[in-house]
């Protein structure tokens, strides 16, 4: 099933490129480096969330399974990545009626590396 994250309080999607490299210094003193793989890391931040929306995020994390992240790229193409959701922190701001939570950042890392250098 598909769960859409609430747009309320959400900051722009941050996309980070990460890579694993192997490097060494040659006998000549020249440093050479090979890129073993590249992945993307996605950060979705919320300035605030209400209790029910936070519960959805906790449920996603508690699935303990890889997720599919879908969004539109810079060319308006729908792209999809298989990702791992990492543990996230949150701050309880208010407990009146529906509790308000702030400073939430979800980090999702691409599972399958891009090995095409």
C-alpha atoms as a PDB file:
ATOM      1  CA  UNK A   1       0.000   0.000   0.000  1.00  0.00           C
ATOM      2  CA  UNK A   2       1.071   3.560  -0.553  1.00  0.00           C
ATOM      3  CA  UNK A   3       1.341   6.261   2.100  1.00  0.00           C
ATOM      4  CA  UNK A   4       1.686   9.867   1.020  1.00  0.00           C
ATOM      5  CA  UNK A   5       3.589  12.057   3.432  1.00  0.00           C
ATOM      6  CA  UNK A   6       1.715  15.143   4.509  1.00  0.00           C
ATOM      7  CA  UNK A   7       2.856  18.351   2.796  1.00  0.00           C
ATOM      8  CA  UNK A   8       1.955  20.490   5.846  1.00  0.00           C
ATOM      9  CA  UNK A   9       5.049  21.780   7.616  1.00  0.00           C
ATOM     10  CA  UNK A  10       7.333  19.964   5.183  1.00  0.00           C
ATOM     11  CA  UNK A  11      10.510  21.653   3.986  1.00  0.00           C
ATOM     12  CA  UNK A  12      11.896  21.214   0.441  1.00  0.00           C
ATOM     13  CA  UNK A  13      13.337  17.770  -0.277  1.00  0.00           C
ATOM     14  CA  UNK A  14      17.094  17.666   0.227  1.00  0.00           C
ATOM     15  CA  UNK A  15      18.991  15.266  -2.063  1.00  0.00           C
ATOM     16  CA  UNK A  16      22.590  14.373  -1.227  1.00  0.00           C
ATOM     17  CA  UNK A  17      24.960  12.357  -3.402  1.00  0.00           C
ATOM     18  CA  UNK A  18      27.159   9.916  -1.504  1.00  0.00           C
ATOM     19  CA  UNK A  19      29.817   7.564  -2.801  1.00  0.00           C
ATOM     20  CA  UNK A  20      32.207   4.870  -1.679  1.00  0.00           C
ATOM     21  CA  UNK A  21      35.716   5.275  -3.036  1.00  0.00           C
ATOM     22  CA  UNK A  22      38.984   3.395  -2.916  1.00  0.00           C
ATOM     23  CA  UNK A  23      42.147   5.404  -3.300  1.00  0.00           C
ATOM     24  CA  UNK A  24      45.865   4.930  -3.051  1.00  0.00           C
ATOM     25  CA  UNK A  25      49.078   6.728  -3.742  1.00  0.00           C
ATOM     26  CA  UNK A  26      51.089   5.352  -6.654  1.00  0.00           C
ATOM     27  CA  UNK A  27      54.883   4.878  -6.629  1.00  0.00           C
ATOM     28  CA  UNK A  28      55.169   8.146  -8.558  1.00  0.00           C
ATOM     29  CA  UNK A  29      53.397   9.966  -5.713  1.00  0.00           C
ATOM     30  CA  UNK A  30      50.216  10.500  -7.745  1.00  0.00           C
ATOM     31  CA  UNK A  31      47.017   9.810  -5.859  1.00  0.00           C
ATOM     32  CA  UNK A  32      44.426   7.763  -7.775  1.00  0.00           C
ATOM     33  CA  UNK A  33      40.908   6.985  -6.719  1.00  0.00           C
ATOM     34  CA  UNK A  34      38.182   4.645  -7.961  1.00  0.00           C
ATOM     35  CA  UNK A  35      34.510   5.210  -7.283  1.00  0.00           C
ATOM     36  CA  UNK A  36      33.058   1.875  -6.154  1.00  0.00           C
ATOM     37  CA  UNK A  37      29.435   3.000  -6.056  1.00  0.00           C
ATOM     38  CA  UNK A  38      27.180   6.026  -5.811  1.00  0.00           C
ATOM     39  CA  UNK A  39      23.935   6.401  -3.915  1.00  0.00           C
ATOM     40  CA  UNK A  40      21.489   9.132  -3.073  1.00  0.00           C
ATOM     41  CA  UNK A  41      20.464  10.171   0.398  1.00  0.00           C
ATOM     42  CA  UNK A  42      17.170  11.986   0.842  1.00  0.00           C
ATOM     43  CA  UNK A  43      16.277  14.208   3.790  1.00  0.00           C
ATOM     44  CA  UNK A  44      12.659  15.128   4.406  1.00  0.00           C
ATOM     45  CA  UNK A  45      12.266  17.678   7.194  1.00  0.00           C
ATOM     46  CA  UNK A  46       9.200  18.976   8.955  1.00  0.00           C
ATOM     47  CA  UNK A  47       9.051  22.176  10.978  1.00  0.00           C
ATOM     48  CA  UNK A  48       6.039  20.681  12.769  1.00  0.00           C
ATOM     49  CA  UNK A  49       3.751  17.674  12.656  1.00  0.00           C
ATOM     50  CA  UNK A  50       0.587  16.749  14.487  1.00  0.00           C
ATOM     51  CA  UNK A  51       0.330  13.496  16.407  1.00  0.00           C
ATOM     52  CA  UNK A  52      -1.457  11.386  13.776  1.00  0.00           C
ATOM     53  CA  UNK A  53       1.026  12.274  11.011  1.00  0.00           C
ATOM     54  CA  UNK A  54       3.922  11.470  13.324  1.00  0.00           C
ATOM     55  CA  UNK A  55       2.278   8.114  14.061  1.00  0.00           C
ATOM     56  CA  UNK A  56       2.326   7.324  10.319  1.00  0.00           C
ATOM     57  CA  UNK A  57       6.070   8.023  10.193  1.00  0.00           C
ATOM     58  CA  UNK A  58       6.708   5.820  13.222  1.00  0.00           C
ATOM     59  CA  UNK A  59       4.666   3.035  11.595  1.00  0.00           C
ATOM     60  CA  UNK A  60       6.785   3.333   8.439  1.00  0.00           C
ATOM     61  CA  UNK A  61       9.977   3.063  10.477  1.00  0.00           C
ATOM     62  CA  UNK A  62       8.630   0.110  12.457  1.00  0.00           C
ATOM     63  CA  UNK A  63       8.014  -1.849   9.245  1.00  0.00           C
ATOM     64  CA  UNK A  64      11.761  -2.604   9.358  1.00  0.00           C
ATOM     65  CA  UNK A  65      11.688  -3.060   5.605  1.00  0.00           C
ATOM     66  CA  UNK A  66      12.916  -1.126   2.598  1.00  0.00           C
ATOM     67  CA  UNK A  67      10.535   1.507   1.270  1.00  0.00           C
ATOM     68  CA  UNK A  68       9.886   2.976  -2.158  1.00  0.00           C
ATOM     69  CA  UNK A  69      10.339   6.738  -2.353  1.00  0.00           C
ATOM     70  CA  UNK A  70       8.626   8.385  -5.326  1.00  0.00           C
ATOM     71  CA  UNK A  71       8.876  12.005  -6.387  1.00  0.00           C
ATOM     72  CA  UNK A  72       9.132  14.166  -9.489  1.00  0.00           C
ATOM     73  CA  UNK A  73      12.656  15.093 -10.544  1.00  0.00           C
ATOM     74  CA  UNK A  74      13.889  18.361 -12.064  1.00  0.00           C
ATOM     75  CA  UNK A  75      12.510  17.293 -15.488  1.00  0.00           C
ATOM     76  CA  UNK A  76       9.099  16.441 -13.998  1.00  0.00           C
ATOM     77  CA  UNK A  77       9.681  12.710 -14.488  1.00  0.00           C
ATOM     78  CA  UNK A  78       8.357  10.422 -11.796  1.00  0.00           C
ATOM     79  CA  UNK A  79      11.368   8.675 -10.238  1.00  0.00           C
ATOM     80  CA  UNK A  80      11.402   5.888  -7.674  1.00  0.00           C
ATOM     81  CA  UNK A  81      14.143   4.745  -5.318  1.00  0.00           C
ATOM     82  CA  UNK A  82      14.249   1.779  -2.955  1.00  0.00           C
ATOM     83  CA  UNK A  83      15.365   3.281   0.349  1.00  0.00           C
ATOM     84  CA  UNK A  84      16.062   2.526   3.984  1.00  0.00           C
ATOM     85  CA  UNK A  85      14.480   4.832   6.564  1.00  0.00           C
ATOM     86  CA  UNK A  86      16.851   5.585   9.429  1.00  0.00           C
ATOM     87  CA  UNK A  87      15.792   6.312  13.038  1.00  0.00           C
ATOM     88  CA  UNK A  88      14.720   9.913  13.529  1.00  0.00           C
ATOM     89  CA  UNK A  89      14.493  12.363  16.413  1.00  0.00           C
ATOM     90  CA  UNK A  90      11.615  14.664  17.226  1.00  0.00           C
ATOM     91  CA  UNK A  91      10.745  17.283  19.816  1.00  0.00           C
ATOM     92  CA  UNK A  92       7.376  17.424  21.569  1.00  0.00           C
ATOM     93  CA  UNK A  93       6.291  21.043  21.410  1.00  0.00           C
ATOM     94  CA  UNK A  94       2.743  20.917  22.738  1.00  0.00           C
ATOM     95  CA  UNK A  95       0.385  18.346  24.229  1.00  0.00           C
ATOM     96  CA  UNK A  96      -2.805  20.386  24.075  1.00  0.00           C
ATOM     97  CA  UNK A  97      -5.479  18.463  22.149  1.00  0.00           C
ATOM     98  CA  UNK A  98      -3.559  16.884  19.243  1.00  0.00           C
ATOM     99  CA  UNK A  99       0.109  16.965  20.208  1.00  0.00           C
ATOM    100  CA  UNK A 100       2.496  19.027  18.088  1.00  0.00           C
ATOM    101  CA  UNK A 101       5.963  17.721  17.259  1.00  0.00           C
ATOM    102  CA  UNK A 102       8.789  19.809  15.791  1.00  0.00           C
ATOM    103  CA  UNK A 103      12.296  19.451  14.331  1.00  0.00           C
ATOM    104  CA  UNK A 104      11.702  16.175  12.510  1.00  0.00           C
ATOM    105  CA  UNK A 105      14.149  15.062   9.818  1.00  0.00           C
ATOM    106  CA  UNK A 106      13.749  11.775   7.993  1.00  0.00           C
ATOM    107  CA  UNK A 107      16.869  10.365   6.361  1.00  0.00           C
ATOM    108  CA  UNK A 108      16.314   7.819   3.619  1.00  0.00           C
ATOM    109  CA  UNK A 109      19.263   6.227   1.853  1.00  0.00           C
ATOM    110  CA  UNK A 110      19.134   4.531  -1.528  1.00  0.00           C
ATOM    111  CA  UNK A 111      19.562   0.776  -1.088  1.00  0.00           C
ATOM    112  CA  UNK A 112      20.746  -0.243  -4.546  1.00  0.00           C
ATOM    113  CA  UNK A 113      23.878   1.634  -5.596  1.00  0.00           C
ATOM    114  CA  UNK A 114      24.401   3.129  -9.013  1.00  0.00           C
ATOM    115  CA  UNK A 115      27.482   1.233 -10.180  1.00  0.00           C
ATOM    116  CA  UNK A 116      27.681   2.969 -13.538  1.00  0.00           C
ATOM    117  CA  UNK A 117      30.503   5.433 -13.072  1.00  0.00           C
END
